[in-house]
């Protein structure tokens, strides 16, 4: 049985984090709900969406790589939104902030390793 994108650790982690960010963003102050809240929801969901779309295009190595790069960029963007929310006191819980930042850092590293593996070893099937 062939593996699918759901079997990728980077997909599972990005999906879990997107769900967590979405839920936590709903408790932001009202004025942030439609500004940073909207942005962080979209960037966090973009990570797993780009992994899925890239995986769907894996027959074309360059496209697969392109979407993995988009996913990495969205991961960096999400971390920046977390930084802004924390530094502006819209996200007040330091433990939540530090946990999310640590997990997005971990995800970014895993995606970079995965990207390097695809660049080196991916063969068109």
Foldseek 3Di string as FASTA:
>chain_A
DDDALVPDPLLVLLVVLLVVLLVVLVPFPPVCCPPLSVLLNVLSVLLNVLCRVLRVVLLDLVSVLVSLVSNLVSLVVNLVSLVVCPVVCRPPDPVVSVVSNVSSVVSSVVSVVVSVCSVPPRDND
